[in-house]
Amino acid sequence: MKPEYQDRYEKFGLNVVYYRKRQRLTQLELAEYVGIDRSHISAIELGKVGVSFDVLFKLCDVLEIKPKELFDFRD
């Protein structure tokens, strides 16, 4: 990950947290539904890692949102 994009990864992660909590899911529950490890969900939410399109689309299916909603960064 390039340092100049770190803030975008963090904002993406905050959106994942927001929509996860809106669905009243724990990190573990979301991870199980998406098919990844809980620590990976944590890393995504903290903006430490990016996600593949497969994970992105599965996140959106589980969170019942459109992909663009995860990229609608709040300032």
PDB file of N, CA and C in Angstrom:
ATOM      1  N   MET A   1       0.845  -1.173   0.000  1.00  0.00           N
ATOM      2  CA  MET A   1       0.000   0.000   0.000  1.00  0.00           C
ATOM      3  C   MET A   1       0.894   1.242   0.000  1.00  0.00           C
ATOM      4  N   LYS A   2       0.585   2.141  -0.899  1.00  0.00           N
ATOM      5  CA  LYS A   2       1.357   3.375  -0.972  1.00  0.00           C
ATOM      6  C   LYS A   2       0.929   4.316   0.152  1.00  0.00           C
ATOM      7  N   PRO A   3       1.891   4.946   0.810  1.00  0.00           N
ATOM      8  CA  PRO A   3       1.576   5.834   1.938  1.00  0.00           C
ATOM      9  C   PRO A   3       0.592   6.948   1.591  1.00  0.00           C
ATOM     10  N   GLU A   4       0.631   7.433   0.367  1.00  0.00           N
ATOM     11  CA  GLU A   4      -0.266   8.532  -0.001  1.00  0.00           C
ATOM     12  C   GLU A   4      -1.744   8.102  -0.059  1.00  0.00           C
ATOM     13  N   TYR A   5      -1.992   6.794  -0.036  1.00  0.00           N
ATOM     14  CA  TYR A   5      -3.368   6.300  -0.052  1.00  0.00           C
ATOM     15  C   TYR A   5      -3.848   5.810   1.311  1.00  0.00           C
ATOM     16  N   GLN A   6      -2.995   5.874   2.317  1.00  0.00           N
ATOM     17  CA  GLN A   6      -3.335   5.360   3.643  1.00  0.00           C
ATOM     18  C   GLN A   6      -4.646   5.936   4.165  1.00  0.00           C
ATOM     19  N   ASP A   7      -4.857   7.224   3.986  1.00  0.00           N
ATOM     20  CA  ASP A   7      -6.085   7.843   4.505  1.00  0.00           C
ATOM     21  C   ASP A   7      -7.326   7.265   3.835  1.00  0.00           C
ATOM     22  N   ARG A   8      -7.221   6.891   2.580  1.00  0.00           N
ATOM     23  CA  ARG A   8      -8.367   6.304   1.870  1.00  0.00           C
ATOM     24  C   ARG A   8      -8.662   4.897   2.374  1.00  0.00           C
ATOM     25  N   TYR A   9      -7.615   4.146   2.649  1.00  0.00           N
ATOM     26  CA  TYR A   9      -7.811   2.808   3.223  1.00  0.00           C
ATOM     27  C   TYR A   9      -8.500   2.922   4.584  1.00  0.00           C
ATOM     28  N   GLU A  10      -8.085   3.916   5.376  1.00  0.00           N
ATOM     29  CA  GLU A  10      -8.678   4.106   6.699  1.00  0.00           C
ATOM     30  C   GLU A  10     -10.145   4.524   6.586  1.00  0.00           C
ATOM     31  N   LYS A  11     -10.460   5.397   5.648  1.00  0.00           N
ATOM     32  CA  LYS A  11     -11.849   5.825   5.459  1.00  0.00           C
ATOM     33  C   LYS A  11     -12.710   4.668   4.965  1.00  0.00           C
ATOM     34  N   PHE A  12     -12.154   3.852   4.080  1.00  0.00           N
ATOM     35  CA  PHE A  12     -12.857   2.653   3.625  1.00  0.00           C
ATOM     36  C   PHE A  12     -13.158   1.766   4.832  1.00  0.00           C
ATOM     37  N   GLY A  13     -12.147   1.559   5.673  1.00  0.00           N
ATOM     38  CA  GLY A  13     -12.314   0.731   6.867  1.00  0.00           C
ATOM     39  C   GLY A  13     -13.372   1.260   7.807  1.00  0.00           C
ATOM     40  N   LEU A  14     -13.414   2.575   7.975  1.00  0.00           N
ATOM     41  CA  LEU A  14     -14.435   3.175   8.834  1.00  0.00           C
ATOM     42  C   LEU A  14     -15.833   2.932   8.270  1.00  0.00           C
ATOM     43  N   ASN A  15     -15.957   2.932   6.955  1.00  0.00           N
ATOM     44  CA  ASN A  15     -17.252   2.625   6.339  1.00  0.00           C
ATOM     45  C   ASN A  15     -17.645   1.177   6.592  1.00  0.00           C
ATOM     46  N   VAL A  16     -16.681   0.269   6.531  1.00  0.00           N
ATOM     47  CA  VAL A  16     -16.974  -1.137   6.832  1.00  0.00           C
ATOM     48  C   VAL A  16     -17.483  -1.248   8.272  1.00  0.00           C
ATOM     49  N   VAL A  17     -16.817  -0.572   9.196  1.00  0.00           N
ATOM     50  CA  VAL A  17     -17.251  -0.584  10.602  1.00  0.00           C
ATOM     51  C   VAL A  17     -18.679  -0.051  10.717  1.00  0.00           C
ATOM     52  N   TYR A  18     -18.933   1.079  10.080  1.00  0.00           N
ATOM     53  CA  TYR A  18     -20.253   1.714  10.152  1.00  0.00           C
ATOM     54  C   TYR A  18     -21.352   0.756   9.681  1.00  0.00           C
ATOM     55  N   TYR A  19     -21.180   0.184   8.496  1.00  0.00           N
ATOM     56  CA  TYR A  19     -22.209  -0.696   7.946  1.00  0.00           C
ATOM     57  C   TYR A  19     -22.303  -2.021   8.692  1.00  0.00           C
ATOM     58  N   ARG A  20     -21.174  -2.501   9.221  1.00  0.00           N
ATOM     59  CA  ARG A  20     -21.209  -3.729  10.038  1.00  0.00           C
ATOM     60  C   ARG A  20     -22.037  -3.494  11.290  1.00  0.00           C
ATOM     61  N   LYS A  21     -21.784  -2.378  11.955  1.00  0.00           N
ATOM     62  CA  LYS A  21     -22.517  -2.082  13.191  1.00  0.00           C
ATOM     63  C   LYS A  21     -23.989  -1.801  12.894  1.00  0.00           C
ATOM     64  N   ARG A  22     -24.270  -1.206  11.745  1.00  0.00           N
ATOM     65  CA  ARG A  22     -25.653  -0.950  11.363  1.00  0.00           C
ATOM     66  C   ARG A  22     -26.424  -2.262  11.222  1.00  0.00           C
ATOM     67  N   GLN A  23     -25.738  -3.309  10.794  1.00  0.00           N
ATOM     68  CA  GLN A  23     -26.340  -4.640  10.680  1.00  0.00           C
ATOM     69  C   GLN A  23     -26.266  -5.427  11.994  1.00  0.00           C
ATOM     70  N   ARG A  24     -25.686  -4.797  13.011  1.00  0.00           N
ATOM     71  CA  ARG A  24     -25.526  -5.424  14.334  1.00  0.00           C
ATOM     72  C   ARG A  24     -24.738  -6.730  14.267  1.00  0.00           C
ATOM     73  N   LEU A  25     -23.633  -6.675  13.530  1.00  0.00           N
ATOM     74  CA  LEU A  25     -22.756  -7.839  13.399  1.00  0.00           C
ATOM     75  C   LEU A  25     -21.450  -7.598  14.138  1.00  0.00           C
ATOM     76  N   THR A  26     -20.898  -8.646  14.702  1.00  0.00           N
ATOM     77  CA  THR A  26     -19.551  -8.566  15.261  1.00  0.00           C
ATOM     78  C   THR A  26     -18.555  -8.781  14.122  1.00  0.00           C
ATOM     79  N   GLN A  27     -17.303  -8.495  14.390  1.00  0.00           N
ATOM     80  CA  GLN A  27     -16.269  -8.778  13.398  1.00  0.00           C
ATOM     81  C   GLN A  27     -16.248 -10.263  13.063  1.00  0.00           C
ATOM     82  N   LEU A  28     -16.399 -11.097  14.069  1.00  0.00           N
ATOM     83  CA  LEU A  28     -16.370 -12.540  13.856  1.00  0.00           C
ATOM     84  C   LEU A  28     -17.536 -12.987  12.973  1.00  0.00           C
ATOM     85  N   GLU A  29     -18.725 -12.472  13.236  1.00  0.00           N
ATOM     86  CA  GLU A  29     -19.882 -12.843  12.424  1.00  0.00           C
ATOM     87  C   GLU A  29     -19.694 -12.412  10.972  1.00  0.00           C
ATOM     88  N   LEU A  30     -19.236 -11.167  10.786  1.00  0.00           N
ATOM     89  CA  LEU A  30     -19.013 -10.681   9.424  1.00  0.00           C
ATOM     90  C   LEU A  30     -17.966 -11.535   8.723  1.00  0.00           C
ATOM     91  N   ALA A  31     -16.894 -11.834   9.425  1.00  0.00           N
ATOM     92  CA  ALA A  31     -15.834 -12.652   8.838  1.00  0.00           C
ATOM     93  C   ALA A  31     -16.368 -14.019   8.409  1.00  0.00           C
ATOM     94  N   GLU A  32     -17.184 -14.637   9.248  1.00  0.00           N
ATOM     95  CA  GLU A  32     -17.743 -15.951   8.911  1.00  0.00           C
ATOM     96  C   GLU A  32     -18.641 -15.866   7.686  1.00  0.00           C
ATOM     97  N   TYR A  33     -19.468 -14.837   7.602  1.00  0.00           N
ATOM     98  CA  TYR A  33     -20.362 -14.675   6.444  1.00  0.00           C
ATOM     99  C   TYR A  33     -19.584 -14.418   5.159  1.00  0.00           C
ATOM    100  N   VAL A  34     -18.483 -13.666   5.278  1.00  0.00           N
ATOM    101  CA  VAL A  34     -17.686 -13.321   4.097  1.00  0.00           C
ATOM    102  C   VAL A  34     -16.733 -14.457   3.726  1.00  0.00           C
ATOM    103  N   GLY A  35     -16.380 -15.280   4.707  1.00  0.00           N
ATOM    104  CA  GLY A  35     -15.481 -16.404   4.437  1.00  0.00           C
ATOM    105  C   GLY A  35     -14.018 -16.052   4.590  1.00  0.00           C
ATOM    106  N   ILE A  36     -13.731 -15.110   5.486  1.00  0.00           N
ATOM    107  CA  ILE A  36     -12.349 -14.729   5.781  1.00  0.00           C
ATOM    108  C   ILE A  36     -12.146 -14.759   7.292  1.00  0.00           C
ATOM    109  N   ASP A  37     -10.911 -14.613   7.717  1.00  0.00           N
ATOM    110  CA  ASP A  37     -10.582 -14.639   9.136  1.00  0.00           C
ATOM    111  C   ASP A  37     -10.978 -13.330   9.813  1.00  0.00           C
ATOM    112  N   ARG A  38     -11.329 -13.402  11.092  1.00  0.00           N
ATOM    113  CA  ARG A  38     -11.698 -12.207  11.848  1.00  0.00           C
ATOM    114  C   ARG A  38     -10.576 -11.183  11.855  1.00  0.00           C
ATOM    115  N   SER A  39      -9.333 -11.639  11.919  1.00  0.00           N
ATOM    116  CA  SER A  39      -8.203 -10.712  11.935  1.00  0.00           C
ATOM    117  C   SER A  39      -8.093  -9.944  10.622  1.00  0.00           C
ATOM    118  N   HIS A  40      -8.558 -10.549   9.533  1.00  0.00           N
ATOM    119  CA  HIS A  40      -8.569  -9.851   8.244  1.00  0.00           C
ATOM    120  C   HIS A  40      -9.617  -8.743   8.255  1.00  0.00           C
ATOM    121  N   ILE A  41     -10.786  -9.012   8.835  1.00  0.00           N
ATOM    122  CA  ILE A  41     -11.814  -7.964   8.983  1.00  0.00           C
ATOM    123  C   ILE A  41     -11.248  -6.822   9.814  1.00  0.00           C
ATOM    124  N   SER A  42     -10.571  -7.148  10.896  1.00  0.00           N
ATOM    125  CA  SER A  42      -9.971  -6.129  11.742  1.00  0.00           C
ATOM    126  C   SER A  42      -8.972  -5.280  10.961  1.00  0.00           C
ATOM    127  N   ALA A  43      -8.121  -5.930  10.186  1.00  0.00           N
ATOM    128  CA  ALA A  43      -7.120  -5.215   9.396  1.00  0.00           C
ATOM    129  C   ALA A  43      -7.779  -4.317   8.343  1.00  0.00           C
ATOM    130  N   ILE A  44      -8.869  -4.785   7.744  1.00  0.00           N
ATOM    131  CA  ILE A  44      -9.606  -3.968   6.771  1.00  0.00           C
ATOM    132  C   ILE A  44     -10.170  -2.739   7.476  1.00  0.00           C
ATOM    133  N   GLU A  45     -10.808  -2.955   8.615  1.00  0.00           N
ATOM    134  CA  GLU A  45     -11.430  -1.853   9.347  1.00  0.00           C
ATOM    135  C   GLU A  45     -10.412  -0.832   9.843  1.00  0.00           C
ATOM    136  N   LEU A  46      -9.214  -1.272  10.121  1.00  0.00           N
ATOM    137  CA  LEU A  46      -8.152  -0.361  10.568  1.00  0.00           C
ATOM    138  C   LEU A  46      -7.402   0.288   9.408  1.00  0.00           C
ATOM    139  N   GLY A  47      -7.734  -0.098   8.197  1.00  0.00           N
ATOM    140  CA  GLY A  47      -7.069   0.469   7.029  1.00  0.00           C
ATOM    141  C   GLY A  47      -5.668  -0.053   6.817  1.00  0.00           C
ATOM    142  N   LYS A  48      -5.403  -1.252   7.305  1.00  0.00           N
ATOM    143  CA  LYS A  48      -4.063  -1.842   7.192  1.00  0.00           C
ATOM    144  C   LYS A  48      -3.878  -2.654   5.912  1.00  0.00           C
ATOM    145  N   VAL A  49      -4.984  -3.127   5.319  1.00  0.00           N
ATOM    146  CA  VAL A  49      -4.922  -3.944   4.113  1.00  0.00           C
ATOM    147  C   VAL A  49      -6.025  -3.531   3.148  1.00  0.00           C
ATOM    148  N   GLY A  50      -5.822  -3.855   1.894  1.00  0.00           N
ATOM    149  CA  GLY A  50      -6.859  -3.662   0.896  1.00  0.00           C
ATOM    150  C   GLY A  50      -7.678  -4.932   0.766  1.00  0.00           C
ATOM    151  N   VAL A  51      -8.680  -4.885  -0.094  1.00  0.00           N
ATOM    152  CA  VAL A  51      -9.519  -6.061  -0.297  1.00  0.00           C
ATOM    153  C   VAL A  51      -9.599  -6.388  -1.781  1.00  0.00           C
ATOM    154  N   SER A  52      -9.792  -7.657  -2.071  1.00  0.00           N
ATOM    155  CA  SER A  52     -10.018  -8.080  -3.452  1.00  0.00           C
ATOM    156  C   SER A  52     -11.452  -7.742  -3.830  1.00  0.00           C
ATOM    157  N   PHE A  53     -11.742  -7.781  -5.118  1.00  0.00           N
ATOM    158  CA  PHE A  53     -13.110  -7.564  -5.553  1.00  0.00           C
ATOM    159  C   PHE A  53     -14.032  -8.640  -4.993  1.00  0.00           C
ATOM    160  N   ASP A  54     -13.550  -9.867  -4.911  1.00  0.00           N
ATOM    161  CA  ASP A  54     -14.370 -10.949  -4.359  1.00  0.00           C
ATOM    162  C   ASP A  54     -14.814 -10.625  -2.934  1.00  0.00           C
ATOM    163  N   VAL A  55     -13.872 -10.177  -2.108  1.00  0.00           N
ATOM    164  CA  VAL A  55     -14.193  -9.822  -0.723  1.00  0.00           C
ATOM    165  C   VAL A  55     -15.089  -8.587  -0.697  1.00  0.00           C
ATOM    166  N   LEU A  56     -14.784  -7.612  -1.518  1.00  0.00           N
ATOM    167  CA  LEU A  56     -15.599  -6.398  -1.588  1.00  0.00           C
ATOM    168  C   LEU A  56     -17.056  -6.732  -1.909  1.00  0.00           C
ATOM    169  N   PHE A  57     -17.268  -7.545  -2.936  1.00  0.00           N
ATOM    170  CA  PHE A  57     -18.635  -7.882  -3.334  1.00  0.00           C
ATOM    171  C   PHE A  57     -19.353  -8.703  -2.262  1.00  0.00           C
ATOM    172  N   LYS A  58     -18.627  -9.606  -1.613  1.00  0.00           N
ATOM    173  CA  LYS A  58     -19.233 -10.408  -0.548  1.00  0.00           C
ATOM    174  C   LYS A  58     -19.581  -9.526   0.650  1.00  0.00           C
ATOM    175  N   LEU A  59     -18.696  -8.587   0.996  1.00  0.00           N
ATOM    176  CA  LEU A  59     -18.993  -7.631   2.071  1.00  0.00           C
ATOM    177  C   LEU A  59     -20.291  -6.894   1.769  1.00  0.00           C
ATOM    178  N   CYS A  60     -20.419  -6.434   0.540  1.00  0.00           N
ATOM    179  CA  CYS A  60     -21.613  -5.688   0.149  1.00  0.00           C
ATOM    180  C   CYS A  60     -22.863  -6.550   0.219  1.00  0.00           C
ATOM    181  N   ASP A  61     -22.755  -7.803  -0.196  1.00  0.00           N
ATOM    182  CA  ASP A  61     -23.902  -8.716  -0.109  1.00  0.00           C
ATOM    183  C   ASP A  61     -24.337  -8.895   1.343  1.00  0.00           C
ATOM    184  N   VAL A  62     -23.377  -9.145   2.214  1.00  0.00           N
ATOM    185  CA  VAL A  62     -23.685  -9.389   3.628  1.00  0.00           C
ATOM    186  C   VAL A  62     -24.209  -8.122   4.300  1.00  0.00           C
ATOM    187  N   LEU A  63     -23.599  -6.973   3.982  1.00  0.00           N
ATOM    188  CA  LEU A  63     -23.986  -5.713   4.612  1.00  0.00           C
ATOM    189  C   LEU A  63     -25.204  -5.076   3.947  1.00  0.00           C
ATOM    190  N   GLU A  64     -25.643  -5.688   2.839  1.00  0.00           N
ATOM    191  CA  GLU A  64     -26.821  -5.218   2.107  1.00  0.00           C
ATOM    192  C   GLU A  64     -26.661  -3.773   1.628  1.00  0.00           C
ATOM    193  N   ILE A  65     -25.511  -3.524   0.983  1.00  0.00           N
ATOM    194  CA  ILE A  65     -25.215  -2.204   0.438  1.00  0.00           C
ATOM    195  C   ILE A  65     -24.633  -2.352  -0.961  1.00  0.00           C
ATOM    196  N   LYS A  66     -24.514  -1.244  -1.655  1.00  0.00           N
ATOM    197  CA  LYS A  66     -23.861  -1.216  -2.961  1.00  0.00           C
ATOM    198  C   LYS A  66     -22.383  -0.893  -2.748  1.00  0.00           C
ATOM    199  N   PRO A  67     -21.511  -1.390  -3.615  1.00  0.00           N
ATOM    200  CA  PRO A  67     -20.077  -1.132  -3.445  1.00  0.00           C
ATOM    201  C   PRO A  67     -19.741   0.356  -3.303  1.00  0.00           C
ATOM    202  N   LYS A  68     -20.439   1.204  -4.032  1.00  0.00           N
ATOM    203  CA  LYS A  68     -20.123   2.636  -3.968  1.00  0.00           C
ATOM    204  C   LYS A  68     -20.293   3.200  -2.563  1.00  0.00           C
ATOM    205  N   GLU A  69     -21.140   2.574  -1.752  1.00  0.00           N
ATOM    206  CA  GLU A  69     -21.347   3.071  -0.387  1.00  0.00           C
ATOM    207  C   GLU A  69     -20.095   2.913   0.473  1.00  0.00           C
ATOM    208  N   LEU A  70     -19.296   1.905   0.192  1.00  0.00           N
ATOM    209  CA  LEU A  70     -18.046   1.742   0.948  1.00  0.00           C
ATOM    210  C   LEU A  70     -16.997   2.772   0.521  1.00  0.00           C
ATOM    211  N   PHE A  71     -17.204   3.367  -0.649  1.00  0.00           N
ATOM    212  CA  PHE A  71     -16.254   4.359  -1.143  1.00  0.00           C
ATOM    213  C   PHE A  71     -16.770   5.783  -0.999  1.00  0.00           C
ATOM    214  N   ASP A  72     -17.899   5.955  -0.352  1.00  0.00           N
ATOM    215  CA  ASP A  72     -18.428   7.288  -0.099  1.00  0.00           C
ATOM    216  C   ASP A  72     -17.804   7.799   1.194  1.00  0.00           C
ATOM    217  N   PHE A  73     -16.614   8.386   1.043  1.00  0.00           N
ATOM    218  CA  PHE A  73     -15.831   8.803   2.205  1.00  0.00           C
ATOM    219  C   PHE A  73     -16.360  10.096   2.785  1.00  0.00           C
ATOM    220  N   ARG A  74     -16.519  10.075   4.094  1.00  0.00           N
ATOM    221  CA  ARG A  74     -16.926  11.278   4.826  1.00  0.00           C
ATOM    222  C   ARG A  74     -15.693  12.063   5.212  1.00  0.00           C
ATOM    223  N   ASP A  75     -15.807  13.348   5.157  1.00  0.00           N
ATOM    224  CA  ASP A  75     -14.653  14.196   5.533  1.00  0.00           C
ATOM    225  C   ASP A  75     -14.688  14.597   6.979  1.00  0.00           C
TER     226      ASP A  75
END
